[in-house]
Amino acid sequence: MEQDLRHTLGNVGVWTMAFDVIQDRVRQHLDAGADHVCVQVLTADPAALPVREWRELAPVVRGVAPGA
């Protein structure tokens, strides 16, 4: 199981970049055959929901979704 977990987490990355760069990275994963890409917003306050950031990021990732 440990080996499976390492394989699963092999493509994990933390990106602190402009939205266009994040969009390119998500597109690269999808173009490489990924059937999903997880995007998580991390903020200075882990107890707060990053609603503003989700709203800003939504159109960026929606723009690369299959069928978009």
PDB file of N, CA and C in Angstrom:
ATOM      1  N   MET A   1       0.821  -1.194   0.000  1.00  0.00           N
ATOM      2  CA  MET A   1       0.000   0.000   0.000  1.00  0.00           C
ATOM      3  C   MET A   1       0.859   1.249   0.000  1.00  0.00           C
ATOM      4  N   GLU A   2       1.950   1.254   0.730  1.00  0.00           N
ATOM      5  CA  GLU A   2       2.812   2.433   0.763  1.00  0.00           C
ATOM      6  C   GLU A   2       3.324   2.774  -0.628  1.00  0.00           C
ATOM      7  N   GLN A   3       3.687   1.749  -1.388  1.00  0.00           N
ATOM      8  CA  GLN A   3       4.168   1.991  -2.739  1.00  0.00           C
ATOM      9  C   GLN A   3       3.051   2.585  -3.612  1.00  0.00           C
ATOM     10  N   ASP A   4       1.822   2.080  -3.467  1.00  0.00           N
ATOM     11  CA  ASP A   4       0.696   2.617  -4.222  1.00  0.00           C
ATOM     12  C   ASP A   4       0.469   4.086  -3.879  1.00  0.00           C
ATOM     13  N   LEU A   5       0.584   4.437  -2.605  1.00  0.00           N
ATOM     14  CA  LEU A   5       0.382   5.815  -2.182  1.00  0.00           C
ATOM     15  C   LEU A   5       1.440   6.722  -2.790  1.00  0.00           C
ATOM     16  N   ARG A   6       2.683   6.269  -2.798  1.00  0.00           N
ATOM     17  CA  ARG A   6       3.738   7.083  -3.405  1.00  0.00           C
ATOM     18  C   ARG A   6       3.461   7.295  -4.885  1.00  0.00           C
ATOM     19  N   HIS A   7       3.007   6.246  -5.552  1.00  0.00           N
ATOM     20  CA  HIS A   7       2.690   6.375  -6.978  1.00  0.00           C
ATOM     21  C   HIS A   7       1.557   7.384  -7.177  1.00  0.00           C
ATOM     22  N   THR A   8       0.532   7.290  -6.351  1.00  0.00           N
ATOM     23  CA  THR A   8      -0.610   8.187  -6.458  1.00  0.00           C
ATOM     24  C   THR A   8      -0.200   9.632  -6.221  1.00  0.00           C
ATOM     25  N   LEU A   9       0.684   9.851  -5.275  1.00  0.00           N
ATOM     26  CA  LEU A   9       1.081  11.210  -4.931  1.00  0.00           C
ATOM     27  C   LEU A   9       2.256  11.714  -5.765  1.00  0.00           C
ATOM     28  N   GLY A  10       2.692  10.935  -6.720  1.00  0.00           N
ATOM     29  CA  GLY A  10       3.857  11.300  -7.501  1.00  0.00           C
ATOM     30  C   GLY A  10       3.736  12.596  -8.264  1.00  0.00           C
ATOM     31  N   ASN A  11       2.534  12.982  -8.677  1.00  0.00           N
ATOM     32  CA  ASN A  11       2.360  14.195  -9.465  1.00  0.00           C
ATOM     33  C   ASN A  11       1.831  15.365  -8.649  1.00  0.00           C
ATOM     34  N   VAL A  12       1.895  15.253  -7.341  1.00  0.00           N
ATOM     35  CA  VAL A  12       1.410  16.329  -6.486  1.00  0.00           C
ATOM     36  C   VAL A  12       2.370  17.508  -6.584  1.00  0.00           C
ATOM     37  N   GLY A  13       1.808  18.684  -6.710  1.00  0.00           N
ATOM     38  CA  GLY A  13       2.626  19.887  -6.755  1.00  0.00           C
ATOM     39  C   GLY A  13       1.901  21.010  -6.051  1.00  0.00           C
ATOM     40  N   VAL A  14       2.651  21.924  -5.519  1.00  0.00           N
ATOM     41  CA  VAL A  14       2.075  23.116  -4.910  1.00  0.00           C
ATOM     42  C   VAL A  14       2.457  24.274  -5.805  1.00  0.00           C
ATOM     43  N   TRP A  15       1.453  24.925  -6.338  1.00  0.00           N
ATOM     44  CA  TRP A  15       1.700  26.005  -7.277  1.00  0.00           C
ATOM     45  C   TRP A  15       1.264  27.325  -6.675  1.00  0.00           C
ATOM     46  N   THR A  16       2.145  28.247  -6.599  1.00  0.00           N
ATOM     47  CA  THR A  16       1.813  29.605  -6.183  1.00  0.00           C
ATOM     48  C   THR A  16       2.150  30.477  -7.380  1.00  0.00           C
ATOM     49  N   MET A  17       1.183  30.587  -8.270  1.00  0.00           N
ATOM     50  CA  MET A  17       1.433  31.233  -9.548  1.00  0.00           C
ATOM     51  C   MET A  17       0.232  32.046  -9.999  1.00  0.00           C
ATOM     52  N   ALA A  18       0.462  32.762 -11.086  1.00  0.00           N
ATOM     53  CA  ALA A  18      -0.616  33.502 -11.725  1.00  0.00           C
ATOM     54  C   ALA A  18      -1.639  32.519 -12.285  1.00  0.00           C
ATOM     55  N   PHE A  19      -2.863  32.979 -12.417  1.00  0.00           N
ATOM     56  CA  PHE A  19      -3.935  32.112 -12.879  1.00  0.00           C
ATOM     57  C   PHE A  19      -3.645  31.504 -14.249  1.00  0.00           C
ATOM     58  N   ASP A  20      -3.021  32.260 -15.154  1.00  0.00           N
ATOM     59  CA  ASP A  20      -2.755  31.703 -16.479  1.00  0.00           C
ATOM     60  C   ASP A  20      -1.760  30.550 -16.406  1.00  0.00           C
ATOM     61  N   VAL A  21      -0.831  30.613 -15.471  1.00  0.00           N
ATOM     62  CA  VAL A  21       0.129  29.527 -15.299  1.00  0.00           C
ATOM     63  C   VAL A  21      -0.564  28.306 -14.697  1.00  0.00           C
ATOM     64  N   ILE A  22      -1.440  28.523 -13.725  1.00  0.00           N
ATOM     65  CA  ILE A  22      -2.199  27.414 -13.136  1.00  0.00           C
ATOM     66  C   ILE A  22      -3.050  26.754 -14.221  1.00  0.00           C
ATOM     67  N   GLN A  23      -3.693  27.570 -15.052  1.00  0.00           N
ATOM     68  CA  GLN A  23      -4.508  27.029 -16.134  1.00  0.00           C
ATOM     69  C   GLN A  23      -3.655  26.172 -17.074  1.00  0.00           C
ATOM     70  N   ASP A  24      -2.465  26.630 -17.408  1.00  0.00           N
ATOM     71  CA  ASP A  24      -1.572  25.850 -18.267  1.00  0.00           C
ATOM     72  C   ASP A  24      -1.177  24.531 -17.614  1.00  0.00           C
ATOM     73  N   ARG A  25      -0.889  24.555 -16.318  1.00  0.00           N
ATOM     74  CA  ARG A  25      -0.507  23.324 -15.614  1.00  0.00           C
ATOM     75  C   ARG A  25      -1.651  22.316 -15.585  1.00  0.00           C
ATOM     76  N   VAL A  26      -2.861  22.794 -15.333  1.00  0.00           N
ATOM     77  CA  VAL A  26      -4.014  21.905 -15.335  1.00  0.00           C
ATOM     78  C   VAL A  26      -4.201  21.323 -16.735  1.00  0.00           C
ATOM     79  N   ARG A  27      -4.092  22.169 -17.752  1.00  0.00           N
ATOM     80  CA  ARG A  27      -4.229  21.703 -19.138  1.00  0.00           C
ATOM     81  C   ARG A  27      -3.167  20.651 -19.460  1.00  0.00           C
ATOM     82  N   GLN A  28      -1.930  20.858 -19.007  1.00  0.00           N
ATOM     83  CA  GLN A  28      -0.857  19.894 -19.255  1.00  0.00           C
ATOM     84  C   GLN A  28      -1.199  18.527 -18.668  1.00  0.00           C
ATOM     85  N   HIS A  29      -1.735  18.514 -17.466  1.00  0.00           N
ATOM     86  CA  HIS A  29      -2.115  17.244 -16.832  1.00  0.00           C
ATOM     87  C   HIS A  29      -3.226  16.554 -17.623  1.00  0.00           C
ATOM     88  N   LEU A  30      -4.225  17.322 -18.049  1.00  0.00           N
ATOM     89  CA  LEU A  30      -5.322  16.740 -18.820  1.00  0.00           C
ATOM     90  C   LEU A  30      -4.835  16.245 -20.175  1.00  0.00           C
ATOM     91  N   ASP A  31      -3.985  17.026 -20.828  1.00  0.00           N
ATOM     92  CA  ASP A  31      -3.443  16.621 -22.126  1.00  0.00           C
ATOM     93  C   ASP A  31      -2.579  15.372 -22.012  1.00  0.00           C
ATOM     94  N   ALA A  32      -1.974  15.181 -20.847  1.00  0.00           N
ATOM     95  CA  ALA A  32      -1.122  14.004 -20.630  1.00  0.00           C
ATOM     96  C   ALA A  32      -1.943  12.764 -20.285  1.00  0.00           C
ATOM     97  N   GLY A  33      -3.269  12.916 -20.219  1.00  0.00           N
ATOM     98  CA  GLY A  33      -4.112  11.760 -19.989  1.00  0.00           C
ATOM     99  C   GLY A  33      -4.818  11.712 -18.647  1.00  0.00           C
ATOM    100  N   ALA A  34      -4.611  12.711 -17.804  1.00  0.00           N
ATOM    101  CA  ALA A  34      -5.313  12.721 -16.517  1.00  0.00           C
ATOM    102  C   ALA A  34      -6.813  12.831 -16.758  1.00  0.00           C
ATOM    103  N   ASP A  35      -7.598  12.095 -15.980  1.00  0.00           N
ATOM    104  CA  ASP A  35      -9.045  12.231 -16.093  1.00  0.00           C
ATOM    105  C   ASP A  35      -9.601  13.163 -15.021  1.00  0.00           C
ATOM    106  N   HIS A  36      -8.728  13.643 -14.154  1.00  0.00           N
ATOM    107  CA  HIS A  36      -9.111  14.654 -13.170  1.00  0.00           C
ATOM    108  C   HIS A  36      -7.839  15.326 -12.643  1.00  0.00           C
ATOM    109  N   VAL A  37      -7.992  16.534 -12.189  1.00  0.00           N
ATOM    110  CA  VAL A  37      -6.896  17.284 -11.574  1.00  0.00           C
ATOM    111  C   VAL A  37      -7.469  17.968 -10.344  1.00  0.00           C
ATOM    112  N   CYS A  38      -6.843  17.772  -9.209  1.00  0.00           N
ATOM    113  CA  CYS A  38      -7.296  18.387  -7.968  1.00  0.00           C
ATOM    114  C   CYS A  38      -6.610  19.743  -7.801  1.00  0.00           C
ATOM    115  N   VAL A  39      -7.405  20.756  -7.571  1.00  0.00           N
ATOM    116  CA  VAL A  39      -6.870  22.095  -7.315  1.00  0.00           C
ATOM    117  C   VAL A  39      -7.367  22.503  -5.941  1.00  0.00           C
ATOM    118  N   GLN A  40      -6.447  22.782  -5.045  1.00  0.00           N
ATOM    119  CA  GLN A  40      -6.809  23.162  -3.682  1.00  0.00           C
ATOM    120  C   GLN A  40      -6.251  24.540  -3.385  1.00  0.00           C
ATOM    121  N   VAL A  41      -7.076  25.384  -2.819  1.00  0.00           N
ATOM    122  CA  VAL A  41      -6.649  26.723  -2.432  1.00  0.00           C
ATOM    123  C   VAL A  41      -6.170  26.680  -0.984  1.00  0.00           C
ATOM    124  N   LEU A  42      -4.954  27.126  -0.763  1.00  0.00           N
ATOM    125  CA  LEU A  42      -4.389  27.229   0.582  1.00  0.00           C
ATOM    126  C   LEU A  42      -4.249  28.704   0.927  1.00  0.00           C
ATOM    127  N   THR A  43      -4.698  29.065   2.123  1.00  0.00           N
ATOM    128  CA  THR A  43      -4.601  30.463   2.558  1.00  0.00           C
ATOM    129  C   THR A  43      -3.835  30.541   3.877  1.00  0.00           C
ATOM    130  N   ALA A  44      -3.584  31.743   4.305  1.00  0.00           N
ATOM    131  CA  ALA A  44      -2.860  31.950   5.559  1.00  0.00           C
ATOM    132  C   ALA A  44      -3.642  31.443   6.763  1.00  0.00           C
ATOM    133  N   ASP A  45      -4.975  31.435   6.644  1.00  0.00           N
ATOM    134  CA  ASP A  45      -5.822  30.974   7.744  1.00  0.00           C
ATOM    135  C   ASP A  45      -6.486  29.657   7.358  1.00  0.00           C
ATOM    136  N   PRO A  46      -5.936  28.525   7.776  1.00  0.00           N
ATOM    137  CA  PRO A  46      -6.497  27.241   7.371  1.00  0.00           C
ATOM    138  C   PRO A  46      -7.908  26.973   7.912  1.00  0.00           C
ATOM    139  N   ALA A  47      -8.361  27.754   8.873  1.00  0.00           N
ATOM    140  CA  ALA A  47      -9.702  27.559   9.425  1.00  0.00           C
ATOM    141  C   ALA A  47     -10.769  28.291   8.608  1.00  0.00           C
ATOM    142  N   ALA A  48     -10.350  29.218   7.755  1.00  0.00           N
ATOM    143  CA  ALA A  48     -11.308  30.006   6.976  1.00  0.00           C
ATOM    144  C   ALA A  48     -11.531  29.365   5.610  1.00  0.00           C
ATOM    145  N   LEU A  49     -12.773  29.378   5.144  1.00  0.00           N
ATOM    146  CA  LEU A  49     -13.064  28.900   3.797  1.00  0.00           C
ATOM    147  C   LEU A  49     -12.617  29.948   2.784  1.00  0.00           C
ATOM    148  N   PRO A  50     -11.886  29.550   1.766  1.00  0.00           N
ATOM    149  CA  PRO A  50     -11.367  30.517   0.793  1.00  0.00           C
ATOM    150  C   PRO A  50     -12.385  30.812  -0.319  1.00  0.00           C
ATOM    151  N   VAL A  51     -13.553  31.294   0.047  1.00  0.00           N
ATOM    152  CA  VAL A  51     -14.639  31.512  -0.910  1.00  0.00           C
ATOM    153  C   VAL A  51     -14.224  32.509  -1.995  1.00  0.00           C
ATOM    154  N   ARG A  52     -13.617  33.605  -1.612  1.00  0.00           N
ATOM    155  CA  ARG A  52     -13.197  34.606  -2.604  1.00  0.00           C
ATOM    156  C   ARG A  52     -12.222  33.991  -3.598  1.00  0.00           C
ATOM    157  N   GLU A  53     -11.260  33.236  -3.098  1.00  0.00           N
ATOM    158  CA  GLU A  53     -10.267  32.619  -3.963  1.00  0.00           C
ATOM    159  C   GLU A  53     -10.898  31.571  -4.879  1.00  0.00           C
ATOM    160  N   TRP A  54     -11.858  30.799  -4.369  1.00  0.00           N
ATOM    161  CA  TRP A  54     -12.562  29.819  -5.209  1.00  0.00           C
ATOM    162  C   TRP A  54     -13.278  30.520  -6.355  1.00  0.00           C
ATOM    163  N   ARG A  55     -13.914  31.634  -6.046  1.00  0.00           N
ATOM    164  CA  ARG A  55     -14.633  32.378  -7.093  1.00  0.00           C
ATOM    165  C   ARG A  55     -13.685  32.912  -8.149  1.00  0.00           C
ATOM    166  N   GLU A  56     -12.513  33.334  -7.732  1.00  0.00           N
ATOM    167  CA  GLU A  56     -11.525  33.834  -8.691  1.00  0.00           C
ATOM    168  C   GLU A  56     -10.938  32.700  -9.536  1.00  0.00           C
ATOM    169  N   LEU A  57     -10.762  31.545  -8.927  1.00  0.00           N
ATOM    170  CA  LEU A  57     -10.138  30.412  -9.608  1.00  0.00           C
ATOM    171  C   LEU A  57     -11.110  29.638 -10.496  1.00  0.00           C
ATOM    172  N   ALA A  58     -12.393  29.665 -10.175  1.00  0.00           N
ATOM    173  CA  ALA A  58     -13.383  28.851 -10.898  1.00  0.00           C
ATOM    174  C   ALA A  58     -13.352  29.053 -12.407  1.00  0.00           C
ATOM    175  N   PRO A  59     -13.397  30.280 -12.925  1.00  0.00           N
ATOM    176  CA  PRO A  59     -13.401  30.436 -14.378  1.00  0.00           C
ATOM    177  C   PRO A  59     -12.080  29.974 -15.021  1.00  0.00           C
ATOM    178  N   VAL A  60     -11.012  30.017 -14.253  1.00  0.00           N
ATOM    179  CA  VAL A  60      -9.712  29.598 -14.766  1.00  0.00           C
ATOM    180  C   VAL A  60      -9.702  28.095 -15.039  1.00  0.00           C
ATOM    181  N   VAL A  61     -10.128  27.310 -14.075  1.00  0.00           N
ATOM    182  CA  VAL A  61     -10.126  25.856 -14.265  1.00  0.00           C
ATOM    183  C   VAL A  61     -11.295  25.407 -15.130  1.00  0.00           C
ATOM    184  N   ARG A  62     -12.388  26.123 -15.098  1.00  0.00           N
ATOM    185  CA  ARG A  62     -13.532  25.796 -15.955  1.00  0.00           C
ATOM    186  C   ARG A  62     -13.139  25.940 -17.419  1.00  0.00           C
ATOM    187  N   GLY A  63     -12.237  26.861 -17.700  1.00  0.00           N
ATOM    188  CA  GLY A  63     -11.800  27.104 -19.078  1.00  0.00           C
ATOM    189  C   GLY A  63     -11.002  25.970 -19.689  1.00  0.00           C
ATOM    190  N   VAL A  64     -10.489  25.064 -18.878  1.00  0.00           N
ATOM    191  CA  VAL A  64      -9.729  23.924 -19.407  1.00  0.00           C
ATOM    192  C   VAL A  64     -10.455  22.611 -19.207  1.00  0.00           C
ATOM    193  N   ALA A  65     -11.650  22.650 -18.649  1.00  0.00           N
ATOM    194  CA  ALA A  65     -12.413  21.425 -18.412  1.00  0.00           C
ATOM    195  C   ALA A  65     -12.774  20.798 -19.760  1.00  0.00           C
ATOM    196  N   PRO A  66     -12.720  19.464 -19.829  1.00  0.00           N
ATOM    197  CA  PRO A  66     -13.106  18.795 -21.071  1.00  0.00           C
ATOM    198  C   PRO A  66     -14.508  19.212 -21.484  1.00  0.00           C
ATOM    199  N   GLY A  67     -14.655  19.538 -22.748  1.00  0.00           N
ATOM    200  CA  GLY A  67     -15.952  19.966 -23.255  1.00  0.00           C
ATOM    201  C   GLY A  67     -16.208  21.450 -23.099  1.00  0.00           C
ATOM    202  N   ALA A  68     -15.240  22.174 -22.516  1.00  0.00           N
ATOM    203  CA  ALA A  68     -15.431  23.615 -22.304  1.00  0.00           C
ATOM    204  C   ALA A  68     -15.156  24.381 -23.573  1.00  0.00           C
TER     205      ALA A  68
END
